[in-house]
Protein backbone atom coordinates (compact mmCIF):
# COMPACT_ATOMS: atom_id res chain seq x y z
CA MET A 1 34.59 135.27 112.26
CA THR A 2 36.03 133.12 115.02
CA PRO A 3 35.66 129.31 115.01
CA CYS A 4 33.34 129.81 117.98
CA ALA A 5 30.91 131.97 115.99
CA ASN A 6 31.25 129.96 112.77
CA GLY A 7 30.44 126.56 114.25
CA LEU A 8 27.71 127.83 116.54
CA LEU A 9 25.93 129.70 113.78
CA ARG A 10 25.86 126.55 111.66
CA SER A 11 24.49 124.63 114.65
CA VAL A 12 21.67 127.14 115.18
CA VAL A 13 20.77 127.60 111.52
CA SER A 14 20.51 123.84 110.97
CA ALA A 15 17.45 123.53 113.24
CA HIS A 16 16.19 127.03 114.09
CA ARG A 17 15.45 130.37 112.45
CA LEU A 18 18.16 132.91 113.09
CA VAL A 19 16.63 136.40 113.20
CA GLY A 20 19.74 138.50 113.81
CA VAL A 21 23.31 138.59 115.10
CA ALA A 22 25.10 140.96 117.45
CA THR A 23 28.78 141.69 117.89
CA ASP A 24 30.90 143.90 120.11
CA ASP A 25 33.27 144.56 117.20
CA PRO A 26 33.10 148.22 116.14
CA PRO A 27 31.28 148.97 112.87
CA PRO A 28 33.54 148.93 109.79
CA THR A 29 35.21 152.23 109.01
CA GLY A 30 36.46 153.73 105.79
CA GLY A 31 40.06 153.65 104.66
CA ARG A 32 41.79 153.19 101.36
CA ARG A 33 40.01 150.86 98.96
CA ALA A 34 43.09 148.72 98.30
CA THR A 35 43.62 148.24 102.04
CA ARG A 36 40.00 147.20 102.53
CA TYR A 37 40.22 144.67 99.67
CA LEU A 38 43.46 143.22 100.99
CA ARG A 39 42.04 142.94 104.50
CA ALA A 40 38.86 141.27 103.23
CA GLY A 41 40.87 138.84 101.09
CA TRP A 42 43.10 137.88 104.01
CA GLN A 43 40.06 137.34 106.25
CA ARG A 44 38.43 135.07 103.67
CA LEU A 45 41.68 133.13 103.32
CA ARG A 46 41.82 132.58 107.09
CA ALA A 47 38.05 131.96 107.37
CA ASP A 48 37.71 134.68 110.01
CA ARG A 49 35.32 137.09 108.31
CA PRO A 50 33.73 139.67 110.61
CA LEU A 51 30.37 138.54 111.95
CA ALA A 52 28.73 141.63 110.44
CA ASP A 53 29.89 140.58 106.95
CA TRP A 54 28.52 137.08 107.47
CA ALA A 55 25.16 138.53 108.50
CA ALA A 56 25.06 140.99 105.58
CA GLY A 57 25.66 138.16 103.11
CA ARG A 58 22.54 136.42 104.42
CA GLY A 59 20.31 139.46 104.75
CA LEU A 60 20.32 139.34 108.56
CA PRO A 61 20.32 142.44 110.76
CA CYS A 62 23.45 142.98 112.84
CA PHE A 63 23.68 145.02 116.03
CA HIS A 64 27.04 146.49 117.08
CA TYR A 65 26.82 146.34 120.85
CA HIS A 66 28.82 148.43 123.31
CA ALA A 67 28.48 148.64 127.08
CA GLY A 68 26.80 152.04 127.04
CA ASP A 69 23.95 150.96 124.76
CA ALA A 70 22.16 148.28 126.76
CA GLN A 71 18.77 149.93 126.23
CA GLY A 72 19.33 150.10 122.48
CA PHE A 73 20.36 146.43 122.38
CA ALA A 74 17.31 145.37 124.39
CA ALA A 75 14.99 147.38 122.13
CA TRP A 76 16.60 145.80 119.05
CA LEU A 77 15.98 142.30 120.47
CA ARG A 78 12.34 143.16 121.17
CA ARG A 79 11.85 144.52 117.65
CA LEU A 80 13.14 141.22 116.28
CA ASP A 81 10.67 139.38 118.54
CA ALA A 82 13.57 137.11 119.48
CA ASP A 83 12.81 133.98 121.49
CA LEU A 84 16.34 133.38 122.77
CA LEU A 85 19.67 135.20 122.93
CA ILE A 86 22.76 132.95 122.65
CA THR A 87 26.12 134.42 123.61
CA CYS A 88 29.70 133.19 123.39
CA LYS A 89 32.73 135.10 124.72
CA ALA A 90 30.50 138.15 125.11
CA PRO A 91 30.87 141.05 127.57
CA LEU A 92 28.83 141.04 130.77
CA LEU A 93 25.22 141.86 129.87
CA PRO A 94 22.79 143.78 132.09
CA GLU A 95 19.38 142.39 133.00
CA THR A 96 17.61 144.69 130.54
CA VAL A 97 19.35 142.79 127.73
CA PHE A 98 19.19 139.17 128.84
CA ASP A 99 15.51 139.51 129.88
CA ALA A 100 14.45 141.05 126.55
CA PRO A 101 13.98 137.77 124.56
CA ARG A 102 10.89 135.71 125.39
CA LEU A 103 12.92 132.77 126.74
CA GLY A 104 15.83 134.76 128.13
CA ALA A 105 19.48 134.20 127.26
CA ILE A 106 22.06 131.42 127.47
CA ASN A 107 25.84 131.60 127.39
CA ILE A 108 28.57 129.25 126.15
CA HIS A 109 31.50 129.21 128.56
CA TYR A 110 34.82 127.46 128.03
CA SER A 111 35.28 125.78 131.40
CA LEU A 112 33.57 123.31 133.70
CA LEU A 113 31.58 125.79 135.75
CA PRO A 114 31.62 126.81 138.54
CA ASN A 115 35.39 126.58 138.12
CA TYR A 116 37.02 129.36 136.09
CA ARG A 117 34.12 131.80 136.03
CA GLY A 118 35.05 135.08 134.36
CA GLY A 119 36.13 136.68 131.10
CA SER A 120 39.34 134.69 130.44
CA PRO A 121 38.74 131.06 131.44
CA LEU A 122 41.13 129.58 128.88
CA LEU A 123 44.04 131.82 129.86
CA TRP A 124 43.75 130.93 133.54
CA GLN A 125 43.41 127.21 132.79
CA VAL A 126 46.66 127.51 130.83
CA VAL A 127 48.32 129.39 133.72
CA HIS A 128 47.31 126.62 136.12
CA ALA A 129 48.39 123.84 133.73
CA GLU A 130 44.95 122.22 133.63
CA SER A 131 44.97 119.01 131.59
CA GLU A 132 41.15 118.93 131.44
CA GLY A 133 38.76 121.75 130.72
CA GLY A 134 35.34 121.72 129.17
CA VAL A 135 32.33 123.52 127.79
CA THR A 136 29.34 124.66 129.83
CA ILE A 137 26.12 126.16 128.45
CA HIS A 138 24.18 127.97 131.15
CA ARG A 139 21.40 130.46 131.59
CA ILE A 140 22.49 134.06 132.03
CA ASP A 141 21.61 135.78 135.28
CA ALA A 142 22.84 138.90 137.08
CA GLY A 143 26.07 137.24 138.25
CA ILE A 144 29.27 136.42 136.37
CA ASP A 145 28.72 132.94 134.90
CA THR A 146 26.55 131.95 137.87
CA GLY A 147 23.31 130.99 136.09
CA PRO A 148 21.76 127.49 136.12
CA LEU A 149 23.69 124.88 134.11
CA LEU A 150 21.94 123.36 131.08
CA VAL A 151 24.62 121.10 129.55
CA GLN A 152 28.28 120.45 130.29
CA ARG A 153 31.05 118.27 128.87
CA ALA A 154 34.66 117.72 129.94
CA VAL A 155 37.35 118.10 127.24
CA PRO A 156 41.08 117.24 127.48
CA LEU A 157 43.27 120.32 126.94
CA PRO A 158 46.46 119.69 124.92
CA ALA A 159 49.63 121.00 126.59
CA GLY A 160 51.10 124.01 124.81
CA ALA A 161 47.99 124.68 122.72
CA SER A 162 47.42 128.20 121.39
CA SER A 163 44.33 130.29 122.02
CA ARG A 164 43.25 129.70 118.44
CA GLU A 165 43.69 125.92 118.73
CA LEU A 166 41.76 125.75 121.99
CA ASP A 167 39.00 127.95 120.59
CA ARG A 168 38.63 125.66 117.58
CA LEU A 169 38.59 122.54 119.77
CA LEU A 170 36.02 123.82 122.26
CA ALA A 171 33.86 125.50 119.61
CA GLY A 172 33.37 122.11 117.99
CA VAL A 173 32.18 120.67 121.29
CA ALA A 174 29.93 123.69 121.94
CA ALA A 175 28.28 123.26 118.54
CA GLN A 176 27.45 119.65 119.47
CA LEU A 177 25.97 120.67 122.84
CA LEU A 178 24.00 123.72 121.71
CA PRO A 179 20.97 121.90 120.19
CA GLU A 180 20.41 120.03 123.48
CA ALA A 181 20.64 123.29 125.46
CA ILE A 182 18.16 125.05 123.17
CA ASP A 183 15.72 122.12 123.41
CA LYS A 184 15.87 122.25 127.21
CA VAL A 185 15.10 125.98 127.19
CA ALA A 186 12.22 125.44 124.75
CA ARG A 187 10.76 122.80 127.09
CA GLY A 188 10.89 125.25 129.98
CA GLU A 189 13.71 123.54 131.89
CA ARG A 190 15.53 125.96 134.19
CA GLY A 191 18.71 123.90 134.51
CA ARG A 192 20.52 122.88 137.70
CA PRO A 193 22.26 125.33 140.03
CA PRO A 194 26.07 125.29 139.90
CA PRO A 195 27.35 122.91 142.61
CA PRO A 196 29.39 124.33 145.51
CA MET A 197 33.11 124.16 144.73
CA PRO A 198 35.53 125.25 147.45
CA GLY A 199 38.74 126.52 145.91
CA ALA A 200 37.18 127.33 142.51
CA VAL A 201 39.38 129.69 140.49
CA PHE A 202 38.02 133.02 139.25
CA ALA A 203 39.25 133.90 135.75
CA PRO A 204 39.12 137.68 135.18
CA ASN A 205 40.47 139.43 132.12
CA PRO A 206 44.19 140.12 132.65
CA GLY A 207 43.91 143.92 132.71
CA HIS A 208 47.09 144.38 130.66
CA PRO A 209 47.39 145.57 127.04
CA SER A 210 49.66 142.60 126.32
CA LEU A 211 50.13 139.20 127.91
CA LEU A 212 53.84 140.04 128.07
CA ALA A 213 52.96 142.45 130.87
CA PHE A 214 50.77 139.79 132.50
CA ILE A 215 53.65 137.29 132.80
CA ASP A 216 55.62 137.42 136.05
CA TRP A 217 59.07 137.04 134.49
CA ARG A 218 60.90 137.03 137.83
CA ARG A 219 58.84 134.46 139.74
CA TRP A 220 57.08 132.17 137.28
CA PRO A 221 58.72 128.84 136.40
CA LEU A 222 59.83 128.48 132.78
CA GLU A 223 57.09 125.94 131.96
CA ARG A 224 54.37 128.41 132.96
CA ILE A 225 55.95 131.21 130.93
CA TRP A 226 56.17 128.87 127.96
CA ARG A 227 52.51 127.80 128.27
CA VAL A 228 51.28 131.41 128.29
CA LEU A 229 53.52 132.33 125.35
CA ARG A 230 52.28 129.31 123.41
CA PHE A 231 48.74 130.44 124.24
CA MET A 232 49.64 133.77 122.57
CA GLU A 233 51.12 131.72 119.68
CA TYR A 234 53.07 134.63 118.18
CA TRP A 235 55.55 137.00 119.78
CA PRO A 236 54.61 140.69 119.20
CA VAL A 237 56.94 141.92 116.47
CA THR A 238 57.12 145.36 118.10
CA GLN A 239 58.56 143.91 121.30
CA GLY A 240 62.33 143.58 121.03
CA VAL A 241 62.56 142.00 117.57
CA PRO A 242 65.82 143.25 115.98
CA ALA A 243 65.43 145.81 113.18
CA GLY A 244 65.74 144.74 109.57
CA TRP A 245 64.30 141.73 107.75
CA ARG A 246 63.18 140.10 111.00
CA ARG A 247 60.53 142.80 111.41
CA LEU A 248 58.90 141.56 108.19
CA LEU A 249 58.08 138.16 109.70
CA ARG A 250 55.89 136.76 112.43
CA TRP A 251 57.61 134.86 115.22
CA ARG A 252 55.83 131.73 116.38
CA VAL A 253 56.60 130.54 119.88
CA GLY A 254 58.45 127.22 119.72
CA GLY A 255 59.75 125.02 122.50
CA ILE A 256 61.99 125.36 125.54
CA VAL A 257 65.58 124.94 124.33
CA SER A 258 67.71 125.70 127.39
CA SER A 259 67.56 126.09 131.17
CA ARG A 260 70.46 128.56 131.09
CA PRO A 261 69.56 131.57 133.26
CA GLY A 262 69.26 134.96 131.60
CA PRO A 263 68.09 138.47 132.54
CA ASP A 264 65.58 139.18 135.31
CA ASP A 265 63.02 140.30 132.71
CA TRP A 266 63.46 139.02 129.14
CA ARG A 267 65.67 139.64 126.11
CA LEU A 268 65.64 138.52 122.46
CA ARG A 269 68.82 137.53 120.66
CA PRO A 270 69.33 136.19 117.12
CA ALA A 271 70.22 132.50 116.79
CA GLY A 272 70.80 131.89 113.08
CA LEU A 273 67.50 132.34 111.28
CA ARG A 274 65.60 132.02 114.55
CA LEU A 275 65.38 134.03 117.75
CA ARG A 276 66.00 133.00 121.33
CA LEU A 277 63.93 134.45 124.14
CA GLU A 278 66.20 134.64 127.18
CA THR A 279 64.50 134.64 130.59
CA ARG A 280 65.62 134.27 134.18
CA ARG A 281 64.64 130.57 134.07
CA GLY A 282 65.87 129.55 130.62
CA GLU A 283 65.44 130.05 126.88
CA ILE A 284 62.52 129.60 124.50
CA GLU A 285 62.84 129.46 120.72
CA LEU A 286 60.94 131.74 118.33
CA ILE A 287 60.42 130.40 114.81
CA PRO A 288 60.00 132.72 111.78
CA ARG A 289 56.80 132.55 109.75
CA LEU A 290 55.73 134.48 106.66
CA HIS A 291 52.74 136.75 107.23
CA LEU A 292 50.90 138.20 104.22
CA PRO A 293 49.61 141.46 105.84
CA THR A 294 53.13 142.24 107.08
CA LEU A 295 54.66 141.54 103.68
CA VAL A 296 52.11 143.87 102.04
CA ARG A 297 53.67 146.64 104.13
CA ALA A 298 57.20 145.44 103.30
CA PRO A 299 58.13 148.05 100.63
CA GLY A 300 57.59 150.93 103.06
CA LEU A 301 59.51 149.15 105.77
CA LEU A 302 62.39 148.39 103.42
CA VAL A 303 62.57 152.01 102.32
CA ALA A 304 62.75 153.05 105.98
CA HIS A 305 65.61 150.61 106.57
CA LEU A 306 67.50 151.93 103.52
CA HIS A 307 67.12 155.51 104.75
CA ARG A 308 68.59 154.55 108.10
CA LEU A 309 71.62 153.01 106.38
CA GLU A 310 72.42 156.19 104.39
């Protein structure tokens, strides 16, 4: 369960009756029992249990939403006799869903709307080197983050923060603002329309399977590349990491260590126990970190390496 969901659920439960939760995560599948136990143990250790597990532990119904089942989701909300739907980092919902609860639906958005409307507001604020972001709670309407604003607060954004760090920071602020937003909805307040903002940035989802493909390695300055990589936090181990023991680790993105020009795209090279990411604009350090799920798979990986050496 993400910090966003964790903090917000506590905020709602403290003053209101929660009648159900919904997630766009797929329902849990089977698999080997040992793998399921290891995965569950790792999730408890990191405090990121699936939302469905959290709901099951409290006897709450959980709906697994997907874009093709809007009617089913709306019917589920009506069966619960829900007063209000609260969303955070959710997919775009059709009117049949956000009109189903008696009081409608509100959304928690990680920017100062109307700036950075869209599915990836944090990524685009990182790309544009914003030093200040914020949290907005607004009513959901047919547009993309265009509904009336209920509450809003500016928040400084630390330079080089990861997605996880920013999520934790802004989730804490959202949990503080949510009771005020719910009270306004309960009193029948519509909220204020988003003010006009010439030059507002739209923040769509990147449309790439990996942020590595999103980065413009030829044209972006090194600082921007570094900010987006820090937002990722960890370099994908399947992308250029040399074979052998280095594949058993995670590689955390460190700092900029050199302005020496490298290849037009990117290349990894060993530098002692660390790795250097060479780019056209300079070099960024990757720092090794132990990662329990990877180490669980280590015996099979080591056997594969031994076979290659024979």
